[in-house]
């Protein structure tokens, strides 16, 4: 089995019991709050995003996926190989600004992209319970 097939198998085994499907569209945390074309990273109206983008703190979105339940985005996952203190500060500020739930997990065997190597950043709408 290829590495890509292994990743997709982990995604399927994790998502199906929760009734989630991966979005084939644009993967961005702002989809959780109904935005479709601009992102907080490109949107000059977002002070936090603009400052962080200019500082180069947008790299936390590596290996991202957007998950759908009942035809609505409910969960955004990013699984980077590293999260700095600046990343964590930005992620929490963005989640507060968007009014979404946030969880950041250090690498462990529950990481979907690359177990024991990838961090997990999960942003979810308030009425969705993220289960690792």
N, C-alpha and C. Protein backbone atom coordinates (compact mmCIF):
# COMPACT_ATOMS: atom_id res chain seq x y z
N UNK A 1 0.85 -1.18 0.00
CA UNK A 1 0.00 0.00 0.00
C UNK A 1 0.90 1.24 0.00
N UNK A 2 0.58 2.19 -0.87
CA UNK A 2 1.37 3.42 -0.93
C UNK A 2 1.12 4.27 0.31
N UNK A 3 2.00 5.25 0.53
CA UNK A 3 1.84 6.15 1.67
C UNK A 3 0.52 6.91 1.57
N UNK A 4 0.18 7.37 0.37
CA UNK A 4 -1.08 8.11 0.15
C UNK A 4 -2.27 7.21 0.47
N UNK A 5 -2.24 5.97 0.06
CA UNK A 5 -3.33 5.03 0.35
C UNK A 5 -3.46 4.78 1.85
N UNK A 6 -2.34 4.72 2.55
CA UNK A 6 -2.37 4.55 4.00
C UNK A 6 -3.02 5.75 4.68
N UNK A 7 -2.67 6.95 4.22
CA UNK A 7 -3.26 8.17 4.78
C UNK A 7 -4.76 8.17 4.54
N UNK A 8 -5.18 7.87 3.32
CA UNK A 8 -6.61 7.88 3.01
C UNK A 8 -7.35 6.80 3.81
N UNK A 9 -6.72 5.66 4.05
CA UNK A 9 -7.34 4.62 4.88
C UNK A 9 -7.54 5.12 6.32
N UNK A 10 -6.52 5.81 6.87
CA UNK A 10 -6.65 6.36 8.22
C UNK A 10 -7.79 7.39 8.28
N UNK A 11 -7.85 8.26 7.25
CA UNK A 11 -8.94 9.25 7.19
C UNK A 11 -10.30 8.56 7.17
N UNK A 12 -10.44 7.54 6.34
CA UNK A 12 -11.73 6.83 6.21
C UNK A 12 -12.10 6.14 7.51
N UNK A 13 -11.16 5.43 8.12
CA UNK A 13 -11.44 4.72 9.37
C UNK A 13 -11.84 5.68 10.49
N UNK A 14 -11.27 6.87 10.49
CA UNK A 14 -11.59 7.87 11.50
C UNK A 14 -12.91 8.58 11.20
N UNK A 15 -13.14 8.95 9.95
CA UNK A 15 -14.27 9.82 9.60
C UNK A 15 -15.61 9.11 9.46
N UNK A 16 -15.64 7.92 8.92
CA UNK A 16 -16.92 7.24 8.66
C UNK A 16 -17.76 7.05 9.92
N UNK A 17 -17.20 6.59 11.04
CA UNK A 17 -18.03 6.43 12.24
C UNK A 17 -18.64 7.75 12.75
N UNK A 18 -18.02 8.87 12.39
CA UNK A 18 -18.53 10.18 12.82
C UNK A 18 -19.47 10.81 11.80
N UNK A 19 -19.69 10.13 10.68
CA UNK A 19 -20.57 10.66 9.65
C UNK A 19 -19.96 11.83 8.89
N UNK A 20 -18.64 11.87 8.80
CA UNK A 20 -17.95 12.96 8.12
C UNK A 20 -17.49 12.55 6.72
N UNK A 21 -17.50 13.52 5.83
CA UNK A 21 -16.95 13.33 4.48
C UNK A 21 -15.97 14.46 4.22
N UNK A 22 -14.89 14.15 3.54
CA UNK A 22 -13.91 15.18 3.23
C UNK A 22 -14.45 16.06 2.10
N UNK A 23 -14.22 17.34 2.23
CA UNK A 23 -14.66 18.29 1.21
C UNK A 23 -13.73 18.20 0.01
N UNK A 24 -14.31 18.23 -1.16
CA UNK A 24 -13.51 18.26 -2.38
C UNK A 24 -13.21 19.70 -2.78
N UNK A 25 -13.77 20.64 -2.02
CA UNK A 25 -13.57 22.06 -2.31
C UNK A 25 -12.39 22.63 -1.57
N UNK A 26 -12.41 23.93 -1.47
CA UNK A 26 -11.33 24.71 -0.87
C UNK A 26 -11.23 24.43 0.62
N UNK A 27 -10.05 24.05 1.09
CA UNK A 27 -9.82 23.75 2.50
C UNK A 27 -9.30 24.99 3.20
N UNK A 28 -10.16 25.62 3.98
CA UNK A 28 -9.76 26.79 4.74
C UNK A 28 -10.61 26.86 6.00
N UNK A 29 -10.04 27.30 7.11
CA UNK A 29 -10.84 27.39 8.32
C UNK A 29 -12.02 28.36 8.20
N UNK A 30 -11.92 29.36 7.33
CA UNK A 30 -13.02 30.32 7.22
C UNK A 30 -14.28 29.71 6.60
N UNK A 31 -14.16 28.55 5.98
CA UNK A 31 -15.36 27.86 5.47
C UNK A 31 -16.29 27.51 6.63
N UNK A 32 -15.74 27.36 7.84
CA UNK A 32 -16.57 27.03 9.01
C UNK A 32 -17.54 28.15 9.35
N UNK A 33 -17.21 29.37 8.96
CA UNK A 33 -18.08 30.51 9.28
C UNK A 33 -18.76 31.08 8.03
N UNK A 34 -18.79 30.29 6.97
CA UNK A 34 -19.56 30.65 5.80
C UNK A 34 -18.84 31.47 4.74
N UNK A 35 -17.54 31.72 4.91
CA UNK A 35 -16.80 32.43 3.86
C UNK A 35 -16.40 31.42 2.78
N UNK A 36 -16.40 31.90 1.54
CA UNK A 36 -16.10 30.98 0.45
C UNK A 36 -14.90 31.39 -0.39
N UNK A 37 -14.67 32.66 -0.59
CA UNK A 37 -13.63 33.06 -1.53
C UNK A 37 -12.39 33.65 -0.87
N UNK A 38 -12.54 34.43 0.14
CA UNK A 38 -11.35 35.01 0.78
C UNK A 38 -11.01 34.19 2.01
N UNK A 39 -9.80 34.28 2.43
CA UNK A 39 -9.40 33.61 3.66
C UNK A 39 -8.91 34.65 4.64
N UNK A 40 -8.83 34.28 5.88
CA UNK A 40 -8.32 35.21 6.88
C UNK A 40 -6.87 35.55 6.60
N UNK A 41 -6.19 34.70 5.89
CA UNK A 41 -4.79 34.97 5.60
C UNK A 41 -4.68 36.03 4.51
N UNK A 42 -5.64 36.08 3.59
CA UNK A 42 -5.60 37.05 2.50
C UNK A 42 -6.50 38.25 2.75
N UNK A 43 -7.37 38.19 3.72
CA UNK A 43 -8.39 39.20 3.93
C UNK A 43 -7.82 40.38 4.72
N UNK A 44 -7.64 41.54 4.07
CA UNK A 44 -7.04 42.68 4.78
C UNK A 44 -7.94 43.24 5.88
N UNK A 45 -9.20 42.82 5.93
CA UNK A 45 -10.08 43.30 6.99
C UNK A 45 -9.80 42.60 8.31
N UNK A 46 -9.07 41.51 8.27
CA UNK A 46 -8.75 40.80 9.50
C UNK A 46 -7.38 41.24 10.00
N UNK A 47 -7.36 42.04 11.02
CA UNK A 47 -6.10 42.54 11.57
C UNK A 47 -5.18 41.40 12.00
N UNK A 48 -5.73 40.42 12.69
CA UNK A 48 -4.91 39.31 13.19
C UNK A 48 -4.27 38.56 12.03
N UNK A 49 -5.07 38.22 11.02
CA UNK A 49 -4.56 37.46 9.89
C UNK A 49 -3.51 38.24 9.12
N UNK A 50 -3.76 39.49 8.90
CA UNK A 50 -2.83 40.31 8.14
C UNK A 50 -1.48 40.39 8.86
N UNK A 51 -1.50 40.64 10.14
CA UNK A 51 -0.26 40.72 10.91
C UNK A 51 0.49 39.39 10.87
N UNK A 52 -0.24 38.29 11.01
CA UNK A 52 0.41 36.98 11.03
C UNK A 52 0.93 36.59 9.65
N UNK A 53 0.17 36.91 8.62
CA UNK A 53 0.63 36.62 7.26
C UNK A 53 1.92 37.38 6.96
N UNK A 54 1.96 38.66 7.34
CA UNK A 54 3.15 39.47 7.12
C UNK A 54 4.33 38.94 7.90
N UNK A 55 4.07 38.33 9.04
CA UNK A 55 5.14 37.78 9.88
C UNK A 55 5.51 36.35 9.45
N UNK A 56 4.82 35.79 8.45
CA UNK A 56 5.13 34.45 7.96
C UNK A 56 4.63 33.33 8.86
N UNK A 57 3.54 33.58 9.59
CA UNK A 57 3.05 32.58 10.55
C UNK A 57 1.91 31.74 9.97
N UNK A 58 1.77 31.68 8.66
CA UNK A 58 0.66 30.93 8.08
C UNK A 58 1.01 29.48 7.78
N UNK A 59 2.21 29.06 8.07
CA UNK A 59 2.65 27.70 7.71
C UNK A 59 2.01 26.58 8.53
N UNK A 60 1.26 26.92 9.54
CA UNK A 60 0.60 25.91 10.38
C UNK A 60 -0.49 25.17 9.62
N UNK A 61 -0.87 25.62 8.44
CA UNK A 61 -1.97 25.00 7.69
C UNK A 61 -1.51 23.86 6.78
N UNK A 62 -0.35 23.29 7.00
CA UNK A 62 0.15 22.20 6.19
C UNK A 62 -0.75 20.97 6.33
N UNK A 63 -0.92 20.23 5.26
CA UNK A 63 -1.72 19.00 5.24
C UNK A 63 -3.14 19.24 5.77
N UNK A 64 -3.82 20.20 5.18
CA UNK A 64 -5.14 20.57 5.69
C UNK A 64 -6.26 19.77 5.03
N UNK A 65 -7.37 19.66 5.74
CA UNK A 65 -8.57 19.02 5.21
C UNK A 65 -9.79 19.68 5.85
N UNK A 66 -10.86 19.71 5.10
CA UNK A 66 -12.12 20.27 5.58
C UNK A 66 -13.14 19.15 5.57
N UNK A 67 -13.88 19.01 6.68
CA UNK A 67 -14.80 17.89 6.85
C UNK A 67 -16.24 18.39 6.91
N UNK A 68 -17.10 17.66 6.23
CA UNK A 68 -18.51 18.03 6.05
C UNK A 68 -19.40 17.03 6.79
N UNK A 69 -20.43 17.54 7.44
CA UNK A 69 -21.50 16.71 8.03
C UNK A 69 -22.82 17.40 7.70
N UNK A 70 -23.78 16.63 7.27
CA UNK A 70 -25.08 17.19 6.88
C UNK A 70 -24.93 18.34 5.88
N UNK A 71 -24.00 18.18 4.95
CA UNK A 71 -23.75 19.12 3.85
C UNK A 71 -23.22 20.48 4.29
N UNK A 72 -22.66 20.55 5.51
CA UNK A 72 -22.09 21.80 6.01
C UNK A 72 -20.69 21.55 6.56
N UNK A 73 -19.78 22.49 6.34
CA UNK A 73 -18.44 22.36 6.94
C UNK A 73 -18.53 22.41 8.47
N UNK A 74 -17.95 21.42 9.13
CA UNK A 74 -17.99 21.39 10.59
C UNK A 74 -16.61 21.29 11.23
N UNK A 75 -15.60 20.88 10.46
CA UNK A 75 -14.28 20.64 11.04
C UNK A 75 -13.19 20.94 10.03
N UNK A 76 -12.20 21.71 10.46
CA UNK A 76 -11.01 21.98 9.65
C UNK A 76 -9.84 21.37 10.39
N UNK A 77 -9.08 20.52 9.72
CA UNK A 77 -7.89 19.91 10.30
C UNK A 77 -6.66 20.38 9.55
N UNK A 78 -5.61 20.68 10.28
CA UNK A 78 -4.29 20.92 9.70
C UNK A 78 -3.33 20.03 10.47
N UNK A 79 -2.38 19.44 9.76
CA UNK A 79 -1.46 18.52 10.41
C UNK A 79 -0.02 18.82 10.01
N UNK A 80 0.49 19.96 10.52
CA UNK A 80 1.87 20.35 10.19
C UNK A 80 2.88 19.52 10.99
N UNK A 81 4.12 19.60 10.56
CA UNK A 81 5.19 18.89 11.27
C UNK A 81 5.73 19.69 12.45
N UNK A 82 5.36 20.97 12.52
CA UNK A 82 5.85 21.80 13.63
C UNK A 82 4.85 22.93 13.89
N UNK A 83 4.69 23.26 15.14
CA UNK A 83 3.90 24.44 15.54
C UNK A 83 4.73 25.21 16.56
N UNK A 84 5.05 26.43 16.21
CA UNK A 84 5.83 27.29 17.11
C UNK A 84 4.88 27.98 18.08
N UNK A 85 5.44 28.65 19.06
CA UNK A 85 4.62 29.44 19.98
C UNK A 85 3.86 30.53 19.22
N UNK A 86 4.51 31.12 18.20
CA UNK A 86 3.83 32.13 17.39
C UNK A 86 2.64 31.53 16.64
N UNK A 87 2.82 30.31 16.10
CA UNK A 87 1.71 29.64 15.43
C UNK A 87 0.55 29.43 16.40
N UNK A 88 0.85 28.89 17.57
CA UNK A 88 -0.20 28.60 18.56
C UNK A 88 -0.93 29.88 18.96
N UNK A 89 -0.20 30.95 19.16
CA UNK A 89 -0.82 32.23 19.53
C UNK A 89 -1.76 32.70 18.42
N UNK A 90 -1.30 32.61 17.18
CA UNK A 90 -2.12 33.01 16.04
C UNK A 90 -3.36 32.12 15.91
N UNK A 91 -3.18 30.82 16.03
CA UNK A 91 -4.30 29.88 15.88
C UNK A 91 -5.38 30.17 16.92
N UNK A 92 -4.98 30.40 18.15
CA UNK A 92 -5.95 30.71 19.21
C UNK A 92 -6.64 32.06 18.95
N UNK A 93 -5.89 33.05 18.49
CA UNK A 93 -6.50 34.35 18.19
C UNK A 93 -7.49 34.23 17.03
N UNK A 94 -7.13 33.46 16.02
CA UNK A 94 -8.01 33.26 14.88
C UNK A 94 -9.29 32.52 15.30
N UNK A 95 -9.15 31.48 16.11
CA UNK A 95 -10.32 30.74 16.59
C UNK A 95 -11.25 31.63 17.41
N UNK A 96 -10.66 32.50 18.23
CA UNK A 96 -11.46 33.44 19.02
C UNK A 96 -12.18 34.41 18.10
N UNK A 97 -11.47 34.94 17.12
CA UNK A 97 -12.07 35.89 16.18
C UNK A 97 -13.21 35.24 15.38
N UNK A 98 -13.04 33.96 15.03
CA UNK A 98 -14.05 33.24 14.25
C UNK A 98 -15.14 32.65 15.13
N UNK A 99 -14.93 32.59 16.44
CA UNK A 99 -15.84 31.97 17.38
C UNK A 99 -16.05 30.49 17.07
N UNK A 100 -14.92 29.78 16.95
CA UNK A 100 -14.94 28.32 16.74
C UNK A 100 -14.13 27.66 17.85
N UNK A 101 -14.37 26.37 18.02
CA UNK A 101 -13.64 25.58 19.01
C UNK A 101 -12.27 25.22 18.41
N UNK A 102 -11.24 25.20 19.25
CA UNK A 102 -9.89 24.88 18.78
C UNK A 102 -9.25 23.85 19.70
N UNK A 103 -8.55 22.90 19.09
CA UNK A 103 -7.71 21.94 19.82
C UNK A 103 -6.39 21.83 19.09
N UNK A 104 -5.31 21.82 19.84
CA UNK A 104 -3.98 21.59 19.26
C UNK A 104 -3.36 20.42 20.01
N UNK A 105 -2.96 19.40 19.24
CA UNK A 105 -2.38 18.20 19.84
C UNK A 105 -0.97 17.98 19.31
N UNK A 106 -0.05 17.68 20.21
CA UNK A 106 1.30 17.33 19.81
C UNK A 106 1.28 16.00 19.07
N UNK A 107 2.34 15.70 18.32
CA UNK A 107 2.37 14.44 17.57
C UNK A 107 2.13 13.23 18.48
N UNK A 108 1.27 12.34 18.02
CA UNK A 108 1.01 11.08 18.71
C UNK A 108 0.46 10.08 17.71
N UNK A 109 0.10 8.90 18.19
CA UNK A 109 -0.37 7.85 17.27
C UNK A 109 -1.75 8.12 16.70
N UNK A 110 -2.44 9.17 17.15
CA UNK A 110 -3.76 9.51 16.61
C UNK A 110 -3.69 10.53 15.48
N UNK A 111 -2.50 11.04 15.19
CA UNK A 111 -2.35 11.95 14.05
C UNK A 111 -2.69 11.18 12.78
N UNK A 112 -3.52 11.77 11.94
CA UNK A 112 -3.97 11.07 10.74
C UNK A 112 -2.95 11.15 9.60
N UNK A 113 -2.32 12.30 9.42
CA UNK A 113 -1.43 12.47 8.28
C UNK A 113 -0.17 11.62 8.43
N UNK A 114 0.52 11.78 9.53
CA UNK A 114 1.75 11.04 9.76
C UNK A 114 1.86 10.76 11.26
N UNK A 115 1.29 9.64 11.71
CA UNK A 115 1.28 9.35 13.15
C UNK A 115 2.65 9.48 13.78
N UNK A 116 2.65 10.02 14.99
CA UNK A 116 3.84 10.23 15.79
C UNK A 116 4.78 11.30 15.25
N UNK A 117 4.42 11.97 14.15
CA UNK A 117 5.25 13.01 13.57
C UNK A 117 4.47 14.31 13.39
N UNK A 118 3.22 14.22 12.95
CA UNK A 118 2.42 15.42 12.67
C UNK A 118 1.69 15.91 13.91
N UNK A 119 1.66 17.22 14.07
CA UNK A 119 0.79 17.86 15.03
C UNK A 119 -0.62 17.81 14.47
N UNK A 120 -1.62 18.03 15.31
CA UNK A 120 -3.00 18.13 14.83
C UNK A 120 -3.60 19.43 15.35
N UNK A 121 -4.09 20.24 14.41
CA UNK A 121 -4.84 21.44 14.74
C UNK A 121 -6.26 21.20 14.27
N UNK A 122 -7.21 21.25 15.18
CA UNK A 122 -8.62 21.01 14.84
C UNK A 122 -9.43 22.24 15.19
N UNK A 123 -10.07 22.83 14.19
CA UNK A 123 -11.01 23.93 14.40
C UNK A 123 -12.38 23.40 14.03
N UNK A 124 -13.34 23.57 14.92
CA UNK A 124 -14.67 23.06 14.63
C UNK A 124 -15.75 24.05 15.04
N UNK A 125 -16.90 23.95 14.36
CA UNK A 125 -18.03 24.77 14.75
C UNK A 125 -18.43 24.36 16.16
N UNK A 126 -19.04 25.27 16.89
CA UNK A 126 -19.32 25.06 18.32
C UNK A 126 -20.20 23.84 18.62
N UNK A 127 -21.12 23.49 17.70
CA UNK A 127 -22.03 22.38 18.02
C UNK A 127 -21.53 21.03 17.50
N UNK A 128 -20.27 20.95 17.06
CA UNK A 128 -19.69 19.69 16.60
C UNK A 128 -18.66 19.24 17.61
N UNK A 129 -18.73 17.98 18.01
CA UNK A 129 -17.77 17.42 18.96
C UNK A 129 -16.70 16.65 18.19
N UNK A 130 -15.49 17.20 18.16
CA UNK A 130 -14.36 16.56 17.48
C UNK A 130 -13.89 15.38 18.31
N UNK A 131 -13.78 14.22 17.69
CA UNK A 131 -13.31 13.01 18.38
C UNK A 131 -12.06 12.52 17.68
N UNK A 132 -11.01 12.37 18.43
CA UNK A 132 -9.77 11.85 17.87
C UNK A 132 -9.85 10.37 17.87
